[in-house]
Amino acid sequence: MAQDFESTFQSDIMSGSFTTLLTSDSDDAVIGLRFANKHSGSVTVDAKIVSASVSYHIIKEAPVPTGGSLELIDGGSKVVIQSGSTLSARTSKTGSVDTVVSYIDTISE
């Protein structure tokens, strides 16, 4: 079976409340998660998966330097999220961070 590589983009993620980056409609494998800091100062980011109303942090208060980026999932690693789960993020300063999520849609039937 051919793999269906997908990506989703989110500009200007929020502080305070979490911004949804991906809602899984099947069993998906997240193969890349990058945060890019557009702000003039350092910011922090949180990322979590919510499954069956329970939150699981992938990272919490990770610093992203001015003009820099943070790659959370790389080097061949994967995070599997099941159907109905969400991947979301927030930052310490609203509008300061863009995100890119790369994933394989429907990893199993």
N, C-alpha and C. Protein backbone atom coordinates (compact mmCIF):
# COMPACT_ATOMS: atom_id res chain seq x y z
N MET A 1 0.84 -1.17 0.00
CA MET A 1 0.00 0.00 0.00
C MET A 1 0.89 1.25 0.00
N ALA A 2 0.59 2.18 -0.87
CA ALA A 2 1.36 3.43 -0.95
C ALA A 2 1.10 4.30 0.27
N GLN A 3 2.12 5.01 0.70
CA GLN A 3 1.96 5.92 1.84
C GLN A 3 1.47 7.27 1.35
N ASP A 4 0.57 7.87 2.11
CA ASP A 4 -0.02 9.16 1.77
C ASP A 4 0.61 10.24 2.65
N PHE A 5 1.67 10.88 2.14
CA PHE A 5 2.35 11.93 2.89
C PHE A 5 1.56 13.22 2.79
N GLU A 6 1.34 13.87 3.93
CA GLU A 6 0.56 15.11 4.01
C GLU A 6 1.29 16.12 4.87
N SER A 7 0.86 17.37 4.76
CA SER A 7 1.38 18.41 5.66
C SER A 7 0.27 19.41 5.95
N THR A 8 0.39 20.06 7.08
CA THR A 8 -0.54 21.10 7.47
C THR A 8 0.28 22.25 8.05
N PHE A 9 -0.21 23.45 7.85
CA PHE A 9 0.51 24.65 8.26
C PHE A 9 -0.39 25.50 9.15
N GLN A 10 0.20 26.13 10.14
CA GLN A 10 -0.56 27.04 11.00
C GLN A 10 0.30 28.27 11.26
N SER A 11 -0.25 29.43 10.92
CA SER A 11 0.45 30.69 11.15
C SER A 11 -0.04 31.33 12.43
N ASP A 12 0.86 31.97 13.14
CA ASP A 12 0.50 32.80 14.30
C ASP A 12 -0.25 32.02 15.38
N ILE A 13 0.36 30.94 15.90
CA ILE A 13 -0.32 30.19 16.95
C ILE A 13 -0.51 31.05 18.19
N MET A 14 -1.47 30.67 19.00
CA MET A 14 -1.92 31.49 20.13
C MET A 14 -1.09 31.25 21.39
N SER A 15 -1.17 32.20 22.31
CA SER A 15 -0.68 31.99 23.67
C SER A 15 -1.92 31.73 24.52
N GLY A 16 -1.74 31.20 25.69
CA GLY A 16 -2.88 30.90 26.55
C GLY A 16 -3.56 29.62 26.14
N SER A 17 -4.53 29.72 25.23
CA SER A 17 -5.23 28.52 24.76
C SER A 17 -4.43 27.84 23.65
N PHE A 18 -4.64 26.53 23.51
CA PHE A 18 -3.94 25.76 22.49
C PHE A 18 -4.60 25.93 21.12
N THR A 19 -3.78 25.98 20.08
CA THR A 19 -4.23 26.03 18.69
C THR A 19 -4.14 24.62 18.12
N THR A 20 -5.22 24.14 17.53
CA THR A 20 -5.22 22.81 16.93
C THR A 20 -4.41 22.82 15.64
N LEU A 21 -3.45 21.91 15.55
CA LEU A 21 -2.59 21.79 14.37
C LEU A 21 -3.05 20.65 13.46
N LEU A 22 -3.57 19.57 14.06
CA LEU A 22 -3.97 18.40 13.29
C LEU A 22 -5.03 17.64 14.07
N THR A 23 -6.10 17.28 13.40
CA THR A 23 -7.10 16.38 13.96
C THR A 23 -7.08 15.11 13.13
N SER A 24 -6.78 14.00 13.77
CA SER A 24 -6.64 12.74 13.05
C SER A 24 -8.00 12.15 12.71
N ASP A 25 -8.17 11.77 11.45
CA ASP A 25 -9.40 11.11 11.03
C ASP A 25 -9.17 9.62 10.76
N SER A 26 -7.95 9.18 11.08
CA SER A 26 -7.56 7.77 10.96
C SER A 26 -6.32 7.62 11.84
N ASP A 27 -5.70 6.46 11.85
CA ASP A 27 -4.44 6.32 12.58
C ASP A 27 -3.34 6.93 11.73
N ASP A 28 -2.76 8.03 12.21
CA ASP A 28 -1.75 8.79 11.46
C ASP A 28 -0.41 8.77 12.18
N ALA A 29 0.67 8.93 11.44
CA ALA A 29 2.01 9.02 12.01
C ALA A 29 2.56 10.41 11.74
N VAL A 30 2.80 11.17 12.79
CA VAL A 30 3.43 12.48 12.65
C VAL A 30 4.92 12.25 12.49
N ILE A 31 5.46 12.74 11.39
CA ILE A 31 6.88 12.49 11.08
C ILE A 31 7.71 13.77 11.14
N GLY A 32 7.05 14.91 11.34
CA GLY A 32 7.77 16.18 11.47
C GLY A 32 6.89 17.20 12.16
N LEU A 33 7.50 17.95 13.07
CA LEU A 33 6.80 19.04 13.76
C LEU A 33 7.81 20.15 14.01
N ARG A 34 7.64 21.24 13.27
CA ARG A 34 8.60 22.35 13.35
C ARG A 34 7.90 23.63 13.79
N PHE A 35 8.54 24.35 14.71
CA PHE A 35 8.09 25.66 15.16
C PHE A 35 9.10 26.70 14.72
N ALA A 36 8.65 27.77 14.08
CA ALA A 36 9.54 28.85 13.63
C ALA A 36 9.18 30.14 14.36
N ASN A 37 10.16 30.74 15.02
CA ASN A 37 9.96 31.97 15.78
C ASN A 37 10.10 33.18 14.86
N LYS A 38 9.02 33.97 14.73
CA LYS A 38 9.03 35.18 13.91
C LYS A 38 9.17 36.44 14.77
N HIS A 39 9.20 36.27 16.07
CA HIS A 39 9.21 37.40 17.01
C HIS A 39 10.62 37.96 17.16
N SER A 40 10.70 39.17 17.67
CA SER A 40 12.00 39.83 17.86
C SER A 40 12.71 39.36 19.13
N GLY A 41 12.09 38.49 19.90
CA GLY A 41 12.70 37.95 21.10
C GLY A 41 12.45 36.45 21.20
N SER A 42 13.08 35.82 22.16
CA SER A 42 12.90 34.39 22.38
C SER A 42 11.48 34.11 22.87
N VAL A 43 10.92 32.97 22.49
CA VAL A 43 9.59 32.54 22.94
C VAL A 43 9.69 31.08 23.39
N THR A 44 8.65 30.61 24.05
CA THR A 44 8.57 29.20 24.40
C THR A 44 7.34 28.59 23.73
N VAL A 45 7.39 27.26 23.54
CA VAL A 45 6.26 26.55 22.94
C VAL A 45 5.93 25.31 23.77
N ASP A 46 4.64 24.97 23.75
CA ASP A 46 4.13 23.72 24.31
C ASP A 46 3.44 22.99 23.17
N ALA A 47 3.53 21.68 23.17
CA ALA A 47 2.79 20.86 22.21
C ALA A 47 2.23 19.66 22.95
N LYS A 48 1.00 19.28 22.57
CA LYS A 48 0.37 18.14 23.23
C LYS A 48 -0.54 17.40 22.27
N ILE A 49 -0.81 16.16 22.62
CA ILE A 49 -1.81 15.34 21.94
C ILE A 49 -2.95 15.14 22.93
N VAL A 50 -4.18 15.32 22.46
CA VAL A 50 -5.35 15.04 23.28
C VAL A 50 -6.03 13.81 22.69
N SER A 51 -6.14 12.78 23.51
CA SER A 51 -6.77 11.52 23.10
C SER A 51 -7.75 11.11 24.18
N ALA A 52 -8.99 10.88 23.80
CA ALA A 52 -10.05 10.49 24.75
C ALA A 52 -10.12 11.49 25.91
N SER A 53 -10.04 12.77 25.60
CA SER A 53 -10.14 13.87 26.57
C SER A 53 -8.99 13.96 27.57
N VAL A 54 -7.91 13.24 27.32
CA VAL A 54 -6.73 13.30 28.18
C VAL A 54 -5.58 13.93 27.40
N SER A 55 -4.90 14.91 28.02
CA SER A 55 -3.78 15.61 27.38
C SER A 55 -2.46 14.94 27.70
N TYR A 56 -1.63 14.77 26.66
CA TYR A 56 -0.29 14.21 26.79
C TYR A 56 0.69 15.18 26.15
N HIS A 57 1.53 15.83 26.95
CA HIS A 57 2.48 16.80 26.41
C HIS A 57 3.61 16.10 25.66
N ILE A 58 3.92 16.63 24.51
CA ILE A 58 5.10 16.19 23.76
C ILE A 58 6.31 16.98 24.24
N ILE A 59 6.06 18.27 24.49
CA ILE A 59 7.10 19.17 25.01
C ILE A 59 6.42 20.31 25.74
N LYS A 60 7.08 20.85 26.75
CA LYS A 60 6.49 21.92 27.54
C LYS A 60 7.52 23.02 27.78
N GLU A 61 7.13 24.24 27.44
CA GLU A 61 7.95 25.44 27.64
C GLU A 61 9.34 25.32 27.01
N ALA A 62 9.38 24.80 25.80
CA ALA A 62 10.65 24.67 25.08
C ALA A 62 11.03 26.02 24.48
N PRO A 63 12.26 26.49 24.71
CA PRO A 63 12.66 27.78 24.15
C PRO A 63 12.93 27.71 22.65
N VAL A 64 12.49 28.75 21.95
CA VAL A 64 12.81 28.90 20.53
C VAL A 64 13.47 30.27 20.40
N PRO A 65 14.74 30.32 20.03
CA PRO A 65 15.46 31.60 20.00
C PRO A 65 14.96 32.53 18.89
N THR A 66 15.28 33.79 19.02
CA THR A 66 14.93 34.80 18.02
C THR A 66 15.38 34.35 16.64
N GLY A 67 14.46 34.33 15.69
CA GLY A 67 14.79 33.96 14.31
C GLY A 67 15.09 32.48 14.12
N GLY A 68 14.91 31.68 15.16
CA GLY A 68 15.25 30.27 15.08
C GLY A 68 14.03 29.38 14.94
N SER A 69 14.30 28.08 14.90
CA SER A 69 13.23 27.11 14.83
C SER A 69 13.56 25.93 15.73
N LEU A 70 12.51 25.15 16.01
CA LEU A 70 12.64 23.96 16.83
C LEU A 70 11.96 22.81 16.10
N GLU A 71 12.71 21.75 15.85
CA GLU A 71 12.18 20.55 15.21
C GLU A 71 11.99 19.51 16.29
N LEU A 72 10.74 19.13 16.55
CA LEU A 72 10.47 18.18 17.63
C LEU A 72 10.56 16.73 17.19
N ILE A 73 10.15 16.44 15.99
CA ILE A 73 10.14 15.06 15.52
C ILE A 73 10.99 15.00 14.26
N ASP A 74 12.14 14.34 14.35
CA ASP A 74 13.04 14.27 13.20
C ASP A 74 13.87 13.00 13.28
N GLY A 75 14.74 12.82 12.34
CA GLY A 75 15.67 11.70 12.36
C GLY A 75 15.00 10.33 12.24
N GLY A 76 13.85 10.29 11.58
CA GLY A 76 13.17 9.02 11.39
C GLY A 76 12.21 8.63 12.50
N SER A 77 12.14 9.44 13.56
CA SER A 77 11.19 9.12 14.62
C SER A 77 9.77 9.48 14.19
N LYS A 78 8.80 8.90 14.88
CA LYS A 78 7.39 9.13 14.55
C LYS A 78 6.59 9.18 15.84
N VAL A 79 5.47 9.89 15.80
CA VAL A 79 4.50 9.87 16.88
C VAL A 79 3.17 9.49 16.25
N VAL A 80 2.60 8.38 16.69
CA VAL A 80 1.34 7.90 16.14
C VAL A 80 0.19 8.52 16.92
N ILE A 81 -0.78 9.09 16.19
CA ILE A 81 -1.99 9.58 16.82
C ILE A 81 -3.17 8.84 16.23
N GLN A 82 -4.06 8.45 17.10
CA GLN A 82 -5.20 7.65 16.68
C GLN A 82 -6.37 8.50 16.23
N SER A 83 -7.26 7.90 15.50
CA SER A 83 -8.43 8.58 14.97
C SER A 83 -9.18 9.31 16.09
N GLY A 84 -9.48 10.58 15.85
CA GLY A 84 -10.19 11.41 16.82
C GLY A 84 -9.28 12.20 17.74
N SER A 85 -8.00 11.89 17.75
CA SER A 85 -7.05 12.63 18.58
C SER A 85 -6.63 13.92 17.90
N THR A 86 -6.19 14.89 18.70
CA THR A 86 -5.72 16.16 18.14
C THR A 86 -4.29 16.44 18.60
N LEU A 87 -3.56 17.10 17.73
CA LEU A 87 -2.24 17.63 18.03
C LEU A 87 -2.40 19.15 18.09
N SER A 88 -1.98 19.76 19.19
CA SER A 88 -2.14 21.20 19.32
C SER A 88 -0.92 21.81 19.98
N ALA A 89 -0.82 23.15 19.88
CA ALA A 89 0.33 23.85 20.42
C ALA A 89 -0.07 25.24 20.88
N ARG A 90 0.78 25.81 21.71
CA ARG A 90 0.63 27.21 22.11
C ARG A 90 2.03 27.79 22.32
N THR A 91 2.08 29.10 22.34
CA THR A 91 3.36 29.80 22.50
C THR A 91 3.23 30.84 23.60
N SER A 92 4.35 31.34 24.04
CA SER A 92 4.34 32.35 25.11
C SER A 92 3.93 33.72 24.60
N LYS A 93 3.90 33.93 23.29
CA LYS A 93 3.52 35.22 22.72
C LYS A 93 2.68 34.98 21.46
N THR A 94 1.41 35.39 21.50
CA THR A 94 0.51 35.20 20.37
C THR A 94 1.08 35.82 19.10
N GLY A 95 0.96 35.07 18.00
CA GLY A 95 1.37 35.56 16.69
C GLY A 95 2.85 35.49 16.42
N SER A 96 3.62 34.87 17.32
CA SER A 96 5.08 34.87 17.16
C SER A 96 5.63 33.61 16.50
N VAL A 97 4.80 32.57 16.37
CA VAL A 97 5.32 31.28 15.90
C VAL A 97 4.41 30.71 14.81
N ASP A 98 5.04 30.20 13.75
CA ASP A 98 4.36 29.41 12.71
C ASP A 98 4.77 27.95 12.90
N THR A 99 3.89 27.04 12.46
CA THR A 99 4.20 25.62 12.58
C THR A 99 3.98 24.88 11.26
N VAL A 100 4.73 23.81 11.10
CA VAL A 100 4.56 22.88 9.99
C VAL A 100 4.49 21.48 10.59
N VAL A 101 3.43 20.75 10.25
CA VAL A 101 3.28 19.36 10.68
C VAL A 101 3.30 18.50 9.43
N SER A 102 4.19 17.52 9.40
CA SER A 102 4.24 16.54 8.31
C SER A 102 3.78 15.21 8.90
N TYR A 103 2.93 14.50 8.14
CA TYR A 103 2.41 13.25 8.67
C TYR A 103 2.05 12.29 7.54
N ILE A 104 1.96 11.02 7.92
CA ILE A 104 1.50 10.00 6.99
C ILE A 104 0.06 9.70 7.38
N ASP A 105 -0.84 9.90 6.43
CA ASP A 105 -2.26 9.69 6.67
C ASP A 105 -2.60 8.21 6.52
N THR A 106 -3.40 7.73 7.44
CA THR A 106 -3.89 6.35 7.41
C THR A 106 -2.75 5.33 7.33
N ILE A 107 -2.05 5.15 8.46
CA ILE A 107 -0.91 4.24 8.46
C ILE A 107 -1.32 2.78 8.52
N SER A 108 -2.57 2.50 8.90
CA SER A 108 -3.05 1.12 8.90
C SER A 108 -4.54 1.10 8.60
N GLU A 109 -4.98 0.01 8.10
CA GLU A 109 -6.40 -0.15 7.75
C GLU A 109 -7.10 -0.97 8.80
